[in-house]
Amino acid sequence: YARRKVIVEPVYGQIKGCRGFDRFSLRGLEKVK
C-alpha cells in the first residue's frame, strides 16, 4: 500500500505542477472528458 503514493500521486503532480494543467479550457462534462 505504501507504493500507492509513489505510483499515482506523482502523475498528478507532473500534470498539474510541472506542466501547469490545473484548469480545463472547455465546458461541459463530455468536452472535459
Full PDB file with SEQRES, HELIX, SHEET, SSBOND, CRYST1, ORIGX, SCALE, CONECT and MASTER records, all heavy atoms in Angstrom:
SEQRES   1 A   33  TYR ALA ARG ARG LYS VAL ILE VAL GLU PRO VAL TYR GLY          
SEQRES   2 A   33  GLN ILE LYS GLY CYS ARG GLY PHE ASP ARG PHE SER LEU          
SEQRES   3 A   33  ARG GLY LEU GLU LYS VAL LYS                                  
HELIX    1 AA1 ARG A    4  ILE A    7  1                                   4    
HELIX    2 AA2 GLU A    9  TYR A   12  1                                   4    
HELIX    3 AA3 GLY A   13  CYS A   18  3                                   6    
HELIX    4 AA4 LEU A   29  VAL A   32  1                                   4    
CRYST1    1.000    1.000    1.000  90.00  90.00  90.00 P 1           1          
ORIGX1      1.000000  0.000000  0.000000        0.00000                         
ORIGX2      0.000000  1.000000  0.000000        0.00000                         
ORIGX3      0.000000  0.000000  1.000000        0.00000                         
SCALE1      1.000000  0.000000  0.000000        0.00000                         
SCALE2      0.000000  1.000000  0.000000        0.00000                         
SCALE3      0.000000  0.000000  1.000000        0.00000                         
ATOM      1  N   TYR A   1       0.829  -1.210   0.000  1.00  0.00           N  
ATOM      2  CA  TYR A   1       0.000   0.000   0.000  1.00  0.00           C  
ATOM      3  C   TYR A   1       0.867   1.266   0.000  1.00  0.00           C  
ATOM      4  O   TYR A   1       0.471   2.289  -0.564  1.00  0.00           O  
ATOM      5  CB  TYR A   1      -0.931   0.014   1.214  1.00  0.00           C  
ATOM      6  CG  TYR A   1      -1.863   1.201   1.218  1.00  0.00           C  
ATOM      7  CD1 TYR A   1      -2.968   1.249   0.376  1.00  0.00           C  
ATOM      8  CD2 TYR A   1      -1.621   2.298   2.047  1.00  0.00           C  
ATOM      9  CE1 TYR A   1      -3.815   2.342   0.356  1.00  0.00           C  
ATOM     10  CE2 TYR A   1      -2.460   3.401   2.031  1.00  0.00           C  
ATOM     11  CZ  TYR A   1      -3.555   3.415   1.188  1.00  0.00           C  
ATOM     12  OH  TYR A   1      -4.388   4.508   1.161  1.00  0.00           O  
ATOM     13  N   ALA A   2       2.047   1.195   0.598  1.00  0.00           N  
ATOM     14  CA  ALA A   2       2.940   2.356   0.620  1.00  0.00           C  
ATOM     15  C   ALA A   2       3.398   2.746  -0.786  1.00  0.00           C  
ATOM     16  O   ALA A   2       3.756   3.903  -1.029  1.00  0.00           O  
ATOM     17  CB  ALA A   2       4.153   2.073   1.505  1.00  0.00           C  
ATOM     18  N   ARG A   3       3.363   1.775  -1.713  1.00  0.00           N  
ATOM     19  CA  ARG A   3       3.755   2.073  -3.081  1.00  0.00           C  
ATOM     20  C   ARG A   3       2.726   2.945  -3.806  1.00  0.00           C  
ATOM     21  O   ARG A   3       3.044   3.568  -4.820  1.00  0.00           O  
ATOM     22  CB  ARG A   3       3.934   0.756  -3.866  1.00  0.00           C  
ATOM     23  CG  ARG A   3       5.100  -0.095  -3.411  1.00  0.00           C  
ATOM     24  CD  ARG A   3       6.423   0.523  -3.807  1.00  0.00           C  
ATOM     25  NE  ARG A   3       6.510   0.732  -5.248  1.00  0.00           N  
ATOM     26  CZ  ARG A   3       7.359   1.565  -5.841  1.00  0.00           C  
ATOM     27  NH1 ARG A   3       8.180   2.291  -5.106  1.00  0.00           N  
ATOM     28  NH2 ARG A   3       7.391   1.687  -7.149  1.00  0.00           N  
ATOM     29  N   ARG A   4       1.492   2.956  -3.299  1.00  0.00           N  
ATOM     30  CA  ARG A   4       0.430   3.690  -3.978  1.00  0.00           C  
ATOM     31  C   ARG A   4       0.789   5.151  -4.191  1.00  0.00           C  
ATOM     32  O   ARG A   4       0.624   5.702  -5.279  1.00  0.00           O  
ATOM     33  CB  ARG A   4      -0.863   3.598  -3.152  1.00  0.00           C  
ATOM     34  CG  ARG A   4      -2.077   4.263  -3.802  1.00  0.00           C  
ATOM     35  CD  ARG A   4      -3.162   4.552  -2.782  1.00  0.00           C  
ATOM     36  NE  ARG A   4      -2.749   5.554  -1.822  1.00  0.00           N  
ATOM     37  CZ  ARG A   4      -2.833   6.869  -2.020  1.00  0.00           C  
ATOM     38  NH1 ARG A   4      -3.344   7.334  -3.145  1.00  0.00           N  
ATOM     39  NH2 ARG A   4      -2.415   7.710  -1.100  1.00  0.00           N  
ATOM     40  N   LYS A   5       1.325   5.787  -3.151  1.00  0.00           N  
ATOM     41  CA  LYS A   5       1.583   7.223  -3.246  1.00  0.00           C  
ATOM     42  C   LYS A   5       2.741   7.563  -4.177  1.00  0.00           C  
ATOM     43  O   LYS A   5       2.854   8.710  -4.628  1.00  0.00           O  
ATOM     44  CB  LYS A   5       1.840   7.814  -1.855  1.00  0.00           C  
ATOM     45  CG  LYS A   5       3.032   7.269  -1.116  1.00  0.00           C  
ATOM     46  CD  LYS A   5       3.192   7.974   0.226  1.00  0.00           C  
ATOM     47  CE  LYS A   5       4.358   7.417   1.030  1.00  0.00           C  
ATOM     48  NZ  LYS A   5       4.046   6.097   1.577  1.00  0.00           N  
ATOM     49  N   VAL A   6       3.598   6.590  -4.490  1.00  0.00           N  
ATOM     50  CA  VAL A   6       4.695   6.864  -5.431  1.00  0.00           C  
ATOM     51  C   VAL A   6       4.358   6.386  -6.842  1.00  0.00           C  
ATOM     52  O   VAL A   6       5.173   6.551  -7.754  1.00  0.00           O  
ATOM     53  CB  VAL A   6       6.014   6.220  -4.952  1.00  0.00           C  
ATOM     54  CG1 VAL A   6       6.438   6.791  -3.623  1.00  0.00           C  
ATOM     55  CG2 VAL A   6       5.889   4.711  -4.862  1.00  0.00           C  
ATOM     56  N   ILE A   7       3.191   5.777  -7.008  1.00  0.00           N  
ATOM     57  CA  ILE A   7       2.764   5.344  -8.343  1.00  0.00           C  
ATOM     58  C   ILE A   7       1.863   6.392  -8.979  1.00  0.00           C  
ATOM     59  O   ILE A   7       2.131   6.882 -10.080  1.00  0.00           O  
ATOM     60  CB  ILE A   7       2.022   3.991  -8.272  1.00  0.00           C  
ATOM     61  CG1 ILE A   7       2.956   2.892  -7.765  1.00  0.00           C  
ATOM     62  CG2 ILE A   7       1.471   3.610  -9.644  1.00  0.00           C  
ATOM     63  CD1 ILE A   7       2.248   1.567  -7.529  1.00  0.00           C  
ATOM     64  N   VAL A   8       0.785   6.750  -8.290  1.00  0.00           N  
ATOM     65  CA  VAL A   8      -0.237   7.582  -8.914  1.00  0.00           C  
ATOM     66  C   VAL A   8      -0.127   9.059  -8.557  1.00  0.00           C  
ATOM     67  O   VAL A   8      -0.391   9.924  -9.404  1.00  0.00           O  
ATOM     68  CB  VAL A   8      -1.644   7.044  -8.563  1.00  0.00           C  
ATOM     69  CG1 VAL A   8      -1.927   7.167  -7.068  1.00  0.00           C  
ATOM     70  CG2 VAL A   8      -2.716   7.739  -9.367  1.00  0.00           C  
ATOM     71  N   GLU A   9       0.273   9.385  -7.339  1.00  0.00           N  
ATOM     72  CA  GLU A   9       0.294  10.797  -6.947  1.00  0.00           C  
ATOM     73  C   GLU A   9       1.306  11.631  -7.733  1.00  0.00           C  
ATOM     74  O   GLU A   9       1.016  12.785  -8.070  1.00  0.00           O  
ATOM     75  CB  GLU A   9       0.523  10.909  -5.441  1.00  0.00           C  
ATOM     76  CG  GLU A   9      -0.673  10.414  -4.621  1.00  0.00           C  
ATOM     77  CD  GLU A   9      -0.494  10.602  -3.128  1.00  0.00           C  
ATOM     78  OE1 GLU A   9       0.527  11.196  -2.726  1.00  0.00           O  
ATOM     79  OE2 GLU A   9      -1.369  10.157  -2.359  1.00  0.00           O  
ATOM     80  N   PRO A  10       2.508  11.106  -8.050  1.00  0.00           N  
ATOM     81  CA  PRO A  10       3.429  11.901  -8.876  1.00  0.00           C  
ATOM     82  C   PRO A  10       2.882  12.234 -10.255  1.00  0.00           C  
ATOM     83  O   PRO A  10       3.243  13.260 -10.835  1.00  0.00           O  
ATOM     84  CB  PRO A  10       4.673  11.002  -8.973  1.00  0.00           C  
ATOM     85  CG  PRO A  10       4.613  10.132  -7.775  1.00  0.00           C  
ATOM     86  CD  PRO A  10       3.159   9.877  -7.551  1.00  0.00           C  
ATOM     87  N   VAL A  11       2.000  11.385 -10.779  1.00  0.00           N  
ATOM     88  CA  VAL A  11       1.416  11.645 -12.102  1.00  0.00           C  
ATOM     89  C   VAL A  11       0.624  12.947 -12.089  1.00  0.00           C  
ATOM     90  O   VAL A  11       0.775  13.802 -12.968  1.00  0.00           O  
ATOM     91  CB  VAL A  11       0.525  10.467 -12.532  1.00  0.00           C  
ATOM     92  CG1 VAL A  11      -0.271  10.821 -13.781  1.00  0.00           C  
ATOM     93  CG2 VAL A  11       1.371   9.223 -12.781  1.00  0.00           C  
ATOM     94  N   TYR A  12      -0.220  13.116 -11.072  1.00  0.00           N  
ATOM     95  CA  TYR A  12      -0.982  14.364 -10.957  1.00  0.00           C  
ATOM     96  C   TYR A  12      -0.061  15.544 -10.670  1.00  0.00           C  
ATOM     97  O   TYR A  12      -0.320  16.668 -11.123  1.00  0.00           O  
ATOM     98  CB  TYR A  12      -2.032  14.239  -9.859  1.00  0.00           C  
ATOM     99  CG  TYR A  12      -3.187  13.339 -10.227  1.00  0.00           C  
ATOM    100  CD1 TYR A  12      -3.506  12.221  -9.463  1.00  0.00           C  
ATOM    101  CD2 TYR A  12      -3.955  13.587 -11.351  1.00  0.00           C  
ATOM    102  CE1 TYR A  12      -4.569  11.389  -9.800  1.00  0.00           C  
ATOM    103  CE2 TYR A  12      -5.008  12.766 -11.703  1.00  0.00           C  
ATOM    104  CZ  TYR A  12      -5.315  11.665 -10.924  1.00  0.00           C  
ATOM    105  OH  TYR A  12      -6.352  10.848 -11.262  1.00  0.00           O  
ATOM    106  N   GLY A  13       1.025  15.296  -9.932  1.00  0.00           N  
ATOM    107  CA  GLY A  13       1.990  16.367  -9.681  1.00  0.00           C  
ATOM    108  C   GLY A  13       2.669  16.827 -10.959  1.00  0.00           C  
ATOM    109  O   GLY A  13       2.878  18.032 -11.171  1.00  0.00           O  
ATOM    110  N   GLN A  14       3.008  15.872 -11.834  1.00  0.00           N  
ATOM    111  CA  GLN A  14       3.648  16.223 -13.106  1.00  0.00           C  
ATOM    112  C   GLN A  14       2.684  16.977 -14.018  1.00  0.00           C  
ATOM    113  O   GLN A  14       3.068  17.936 -14.689  1.00  0.00           O  
ATOM    114  CB  GLN A  14       4.154  14.948 -13.782  1.00  0.00           C  
ATOM    115  CG  GLN A  14       5.311  14.290 -13.050  1.00  0.00           C  
ATOM    116  CD  GLN A  14       5.439  12.808 -13.347  1.00  0.00           C  
ATOM    117  OE1 GLN A  14       4.891  12.300 -14.318  1.00  0.00           O  
ATOM    118  NE2 GLN A  14       6.174  12.086 -12.501  1.00  0.00           N  
ATOM    119  N   ILE A  15       1.426  16.540 -14.046  1.00  0.00           N  
ATOM    120  CA  ILE A  15       0.437  17.173 -14.926  1.00  0.00           C  
ATOM    121  C   ILE A  15       0.064  18.562 -14.413  1.00  0.00           C  
ATOM    122  O   ILE A  15       0.065  19.537 -15.170  1.00  0.00           O  
ATOM    123  CB  ILE A  15      -0.819  16.285 -15.046  1.00  0.00           C  
ATOM    124  CG1 ILE A  15      -0.496  15.007 -15.828  1.00  0.00           C  
ATOM    125  CG2 ILE A  15      -1.945  17.040 -15.731  1.00  0.00           C  
ATOM    126  CD1 ILE A  15      -1.625  14.004 -15.873  1.00  0.00           C  
ATOM    127  N   LYS A  16      -0.243  18.663 -13.121  1.00  0.00           N  
ATOM    128  CA  LYS A  16      -0.728  19.919 -12.571  1.00  0.00           C  
ATOM    129  C   LYS A  16       0.407  20.864 -12.177  1.00  0.00           C  
ATOM    130  O   LYS A  16       0.328  22.072 -12.425  1.00  0.00           O  
ATOM    131  CB  LYS A  16      -1.617  19.638 -11.356  1.00  0.00           C  
ATOM    132  CG  LYS A  16      -2.860  18.827 -11.706  1.00  0.00           C  
ATOM    133  CD  LYS A  16      -3.592  18.323 -10.470  1.00  0.00           C  
ATOM    134  CE  LYS A  16      -4.302  19.402  -9.724  1.00  0.00           C  
ATOM    135  NZ  LYS A  16      -5.130  18.856  -8.613  1.00  0.00           N  
ATOM    136  N   GLY A  17       1.451  20.318 -11.556  1.00  0.00           N  
ATOM    137  CA  GLY A  17       2.536  21.162 -11.066  1.00  0.00           C  
ATOM    138  C   GLY A  17       3.571  21.493 -12.122  1.00  0.00           C  
ATOM    139  O   GLY A  17       3.920  22.668 -12.328  1.00  0.00           O  
ATOM    140  N   CYS A  18       4.079  20.467 -12.817  1.00  0.00           N  
ATOM    141  CA  CYS A  18       5.164  20.684 -13.778  1.00  0.00           C  
ATOM    142  C   CYS A  18       4.660  21.282 -15.092  1.00  0.00           C  
ATOM    143  O   CYS A  18       5.278  22.194 -15.640  1.00  0.00           O  
ATOM    144  CB  CYS A  18       5.896  19.371 -14.055  1.00  0.00           C  
ATOM    145  SG  CYS A  18       6.647  18.634 -12.590  1.00  0.00           S  
ATOM    146  N   ARG A  19       3.541  20.742 -15.610  1.00  0.00           N  
ATOM    147  CA  ARG A  19       3.046  21.221 -16.905  1.00  0.00           C  
ATOM    148  C   ARG A  19       1.912  22.235 -16.758  1.00  0.00           C  
ATOM    149  O   ARG A  19       1.382  22.726 -17.753  1.00  0.00           O  
ATOM    150  CB  ARG A  19       2.612  20.039 -17.782  1.00  0.00           C  
ATOM    151  CG  ARG A  19       3.797  19.169 -18.180  1.00  0.00           C  
ATOM    152  CD  ARG A  19       3.435  18.168 -19.241  1.00  0.00           C  
ATOM    153  NE  ARG A  19       2.654  17.063 -18.735  1.00  0.00           N  
ATOM    154  CZ  ARG A  19       3.155  15.999 -18.098  1.00  0.00           C  
ATOM    155  NH1 ARG A  19       4.458  15.942 -17.869  1.00  0.00           N  
ATOM    156  NH2 ARG A  19       2.379  15.026 -17.689  1.00  0.00           N  
ATOM    157  N   GLY A  20       1.521  22.520 -15.529  1.00  0.00           N  
ATOM    158  CA  GLY A  20       0.598  23.620 -15.270  1.00  0.00           C  
ATOM    159  C   GLY A  20      -0.826  23.417 -15.721  1.00  0.00           C  
ATOM    160  O   GLY A  20      -1.573  24.387 -15.872  1.00  0.00           O  
ATOM    161  N   PHE A  21      -1.263  22.146 -15.903  1.00  0.00           N  
ATOM    162  CA  PHE A  21      -2.652  21.927 -16.284  1.00  0.00           C  
ATOM    163  C   PHE A  21      -3.483  21.799 -15.020  1.00  0.00           C  
ATOM    164  O   PHE A  21      -3.654  20.717 -14.464  1.00  0.00           O  
ATOM    165  CB  PHE A  21      -2.806  20.668 -17.146  1.00  0.00           C  
ATOM    166  CG  PHE A  21      -4.194  20.497 -17.706  1.00  0.00           C  
ATOM    167  CD1 PHE A  21      -4.559  21.133 -18.873  1.00  0.00           C  
ATOM    168  CD2 PHE A  21      -5.147  19.736 -17.049  1.00  0.00           C  
ATOM    169  CE1 PHE A  21      -5.833  21.001 -19.392  1.00  0.00           C  
ATOM    170  CE2 PHE A  21      -6.430  19.598 -17.547  1.00  0.00           C  
ATOM    171  CZ  PHE A  21      -6.776  20.234 -18.723  1.00  0.00           C  
ATOM    172  N   ASP A  22      -4.040  22.913 -14.555  1.00  0.00           N  
ATOM    173  CA  ASP A  22      -4.855  22.908 -13.343  1.00  0.00           C  
ATOM    174  C   ASP A  22      -6.250  23.465 -13.596  1.00  0.00           C  
ATOM    175  O   ASP A  22      -7.020  23.669 -12.661  1.00  0.00           O  
ATOM    176  CB  ASP A  22      -4.177  23.712 -12.231  1.00  0.00           C  
ATOM    177  CG  ASP A  22      -3.902  25.151 -12.639  1.00  0.00           C  
ATOM    178  OD1 ASP A  22      -4.187  25.505 -13.807  1.00  0.00           O  
ATOM    179  OD2 ASP A  22      -3.404  25.923 -11.812  1.00  0.00           O  
ATOM    180  N   ARG A  23      -6.579  23.710 -14.877  1.00  0.00           N  
ATOM    181  CA  ARG A  23      -7.908  24.213 -15.225  1.00  0.00           C  
ATOM    182  C   ARG A  23      -8.249  23.766 -16.645  1.00  0.00           C  
ATOM    183  O   ARG A  23      -7.423  23.864 -17.555  1.00  0.00           O  
ATOM    184  CB  ARG A  23      -7.949  25.740 -15.135  1.00  0.00           C  
ATOM    185  CG  ARG A  23      -9.321  26.334 -15.431  1.00  0.00           C  
ATOM    186  CD  ARG A  23      -9.254  27.852 -15.486  1.00  0.00           C  
ATOM    187  NE  ARG A  23      -8.933  28.423 -14.188  1.00  0.00           N  
ATOM    188  CZ  ARG A  23      -9.827  28.726 -13.259  1.00  0.00           C  
ATOM    189  NH1 ARG A  23     -11.115  28.496 -13.485  1.00  0.00           N  
ATOM    190  NH2 ARG A  23      -9.453  29.246 -12.114  1.00  0.00           N  
ATOM    191  N   PHE A  24      -9.478  23.278 -16.810  1.00  0.00           N  
ATOM    192  CA  PHE A  24      -9.923  22.878 -18.135  1.00  0.00           C  
ATOM    193  C   PHE A  24     -10.181  24.112 -18.995  1.00  0.00           C  
ATOM    194  O   PHE A  24     -10.573  25.170 -18.488  1.00  0.00           O  
ATOM    195  CB  PHE A  24     -11.197  22.034 -18.053  1.00  0.00           C  
ATOM    196  CG  PHE A  24     -10.958  20.641 -17.539  1.00  0.00           C  
ATOM    197  CD1 PHE A  24     -11.345  20.281 -16.250  1.00  0.00           C  
ATOM    198  CD2 PHE A  24     -10.352  19.688 -18.335  1.00  0.00           C  
ATOM    199  CE1 PHE A  24     -11.128  19.005 -15.773  1.00  0.00           C  
ATOM    200  CE2 PHE A  24     -10.131  18.407 -17.874  1.00  0.00           C  
ATOM    201  CZ  PHE A  24     -10.519  18.058 -16.588  1.00  0.00           C  
ATOM    202  N   SER A  25      -9.982  23.963 -20.299  1.00  0.00           N  
ATOM    203  CA  SER A  25     -10.248  25.057 -21.231  1.00  0.00           C  
ATOM    204  C   SER A  25     -11.675  25.016 -21.752  1.00  0.00           C  
ATOM    205  O   SER A  25     -12.194  26.039 -22.210  1.00  0.00           O  
ATOM    206  CB  SER A  25      -9.280  24.988 -22.421  1.00  0.00           C  
ATOM    207  OG  SER A  25      -7.940  25.057 -21.993  1.00  0.00           O  
ATOM    208  N   LEU A  26     -12.301  23.828 -21.700  1.00  0.00           N  
ATOM    209  CA  LEU A  26     -13.636  23.648 -22.258  1.00  0.00           C  
ATOM    210  C   LEU A  26     -14.666  23.497 -21.144  1.00  0.00           C  
ATOM    211  O   LEU A  26     -14.310  23.315 -19.978  1.00  0.00           O  
ATOM    212  CB  LEU A  26     -13.653  22.423 -23.179  1.00  0.00           C  
ATOM    213  CG  LEU A  26     -12.585  22.430 -24.286  1.00  0.00           C  
ATOM    214  CD1 LEU A  26     -12.643  21.152 -25.089  1.00  0.00           C  
ATOM    215  CD2 LEU A  26     -12.759  23.636 -25.193  1.00  0.00           C  
ATOM    216  N   ARG A  27     -15.941  23.534 -21.528  1.00  0.00           N  
ATOM    217  CA  ARG A  27     -17.032  23.451 -20.555  1.00  0.00           C  
ATOM    218  C   ARG A  27     -17.972  22.316 -20.933  1.00  0.00           C  
ATOM    219  O   ARG A  27     -18.211  22.069 -22.111  1.00  0.00           O  
ATOM    220  CB  ARG A  27     -17.808  24.770 -20.503  1.00  0.00           C  
ATOM    221  CG  ARG A  27     -16.988  25.933 -19.958  1.00  0.00           C  
ATOM    222  CD  ARG A  27     -17.685  27.254 -20.189  1.00  0.00           C  
ATOM    223  NE  ARG A  27     -16.876  28.376 -19.700  1.00  0.00           N  
ATOM    224  CZ  ARG A  27     -17.096  29.643 -19.999  1.00  0.00           C  
ATOM    225  NH1 ARG A  27     -18.109  29.958 -20.804  1.00  0.00           N  
ATOM    226  NH2 ARG A  27     -16.323  30.594 -19.525  1.00  0.00           N  
ATOM    227  N   GLY A  28     -18.523  21.664 -19.904  1.00  0.00           N  
ATOM    228  CA  GLY A  28     -19.412  20.534 -20.137  1.00  0.00           C  
ATOM    229  C   GLY A  28     -18.673  19.227 -19.916  1.00  0.00           C  
ATOM    230  O   GLY A  28     -17.503  19.086 -20.289  1.00  0.00           O  
ATOM    231  N   LEU A  29     -19.338  18.251 -19.313  1.00  0.00           N  
ATOM    232  CA  LEU A  29     -18.687  17.005 -18.917  1.00  0.00           C  
ATOM    233  C   LEU A  29     -18.086  16.261 -20.099  1.00  0.00           C  
ATOM    234  O   LEU A  29     -16.942  15.788 -20.030  1.00  0.00           O  
ATOM    235  CB  LEU A  29     -19.692  16.119 -18.173  1.00  0.00           C  
ATOM    236  CG  LEU A  29     -19.145  14.803 -17.613  1.00  0.00           C  
ATOM    237  CD1 LEU A  29     -17.999  15.076 -16.642  1.00  0.00           C  
ATOM    238  CD2 LEU A  29     -20.250  14.022 -16.914  1.00  0.00           C  
ATOM    239  N   GLU A  30     -18.820  16.130 -21.209  1.00  0.00           N  
ATOM    240  CA  GLU A  30     -18.316  15.379 -22.354  1.00  0.00           C  
ATOM    241  C   GLU A  30     -17.101  16.045 -22.977  1.00  0.00           C  
ATOM    242  O   GLU A  30     -16.136  15.375 -23.352  1.00  0.00           O  
ATOM    243  CB  GLU A  30     -19.426  15.201 -23.392  1.00  0.00           C  
ATOM    244  CG  GLU A  30     -20.470  14.173 -23.012  1.00  0.00           C  
ATOM    245  CD  GLU A  30     -19.870  12.800 -22.708  1.00  0.00           C  
ATOM    246  OE1 GLU A  30     -19.023  12.341 -23.503  1.00  0.00           O  
ATOM    247  OE2 GLU A  30     -20.231  12.207 -21.677  1.00  0.00           O  
ATOM    248  N   LYS A  31     -17.121  17.373 -23.096  1.00  0.00           N  
ATOM    249  CA  LYS A  31     -15.971  18.087 -23.652  1.00  0.00           C  
ATOM    250  C   LYS A  31     -14.762  17.978 -22.731  1.00  0.00           C  
ATOM    251  O   LYS A  31     -13.619  17.827 -23.177  1.00  0.00           O  
ATOM    252  CB  LYS A  31     -16.324  19.557 -23.892  1.00  0.00           C  
ATOM    253  CG  LYS A  31     -17.330  19.761 -25.014  1.00  0.00           C  
ATOM    254  CD  LYS A  31     -17.619  21.238 -25.217  1.00  0.00           C  
ATOM    255  CE  LYS A  31     -18.617  21.451 -26.358  1.00  0.00           C  
ATOM    256  NZ  LYS A  31     -18.929  22.885 -26.565  1.00  0.00           N  
ATOM    257  N   VAL A  32     -15.017  18.058 -21.424  1.00  0.00           N  
ATOM    258  CA  VAL A  32     -13.942  17.935 -20.443  1.00  0.00           C  
ATOM    259  C   VAL A  32     -13.304  16.542 -20.514  1.00  0.00           C  
ATOM    260  O   VAL A  32     -12.090  16.389 -20.401  1.00  0.00           O  
ATOM    261  CB  VAL A  32     -14.491  18.236 -19.030  1.00  0.00           C  
ATOM    262  CG1 VAL A  32     -13.578  17.691 -17.956  1.00  0.00           C  
ATOM    263  CG2 VAL A  32     -14.671  19.746 -18.855  1.00  0.00           C  
ATOM    264  N   LYS A  33     -14.127  15.510 -20.712  1.00  0.00           N  
ATOM    265  CA  LYS A  33     -13.589  14.150 -20.847  1.00  0.00           C  
ATOM    266  C   LYS A  33     -12.649  14.057 -22.043  1.00  0.00           C  
ATOM    267  O   LYS A  33     -11.595  13.415 -21.974  1.00  0.00           O  
ATOM    268  CB  LYS A  33     -14.735  13.150 -20.996  1.00  0.00           C  
ATOM    269  CG  LYS A  33     -15.490  12.856 -19.711  1.00  0.00           C  
ATOM    270  CD  LYS A  33     -16.542  11.779 -19.933  1.00  0.00           C  
ATOM    271  CE  LYS A  33     -17.258  11.426 -18.627  1.00  0.00           C  
ATOM    272  NZ  LYS A  33     -18.235  10.329 -18.802  1.00  0.00           N  
TER     273      LYS A  33                                                      
MASTER        0    0    0    4    0    0    0    6  272    1    0    3          
END                                                                             
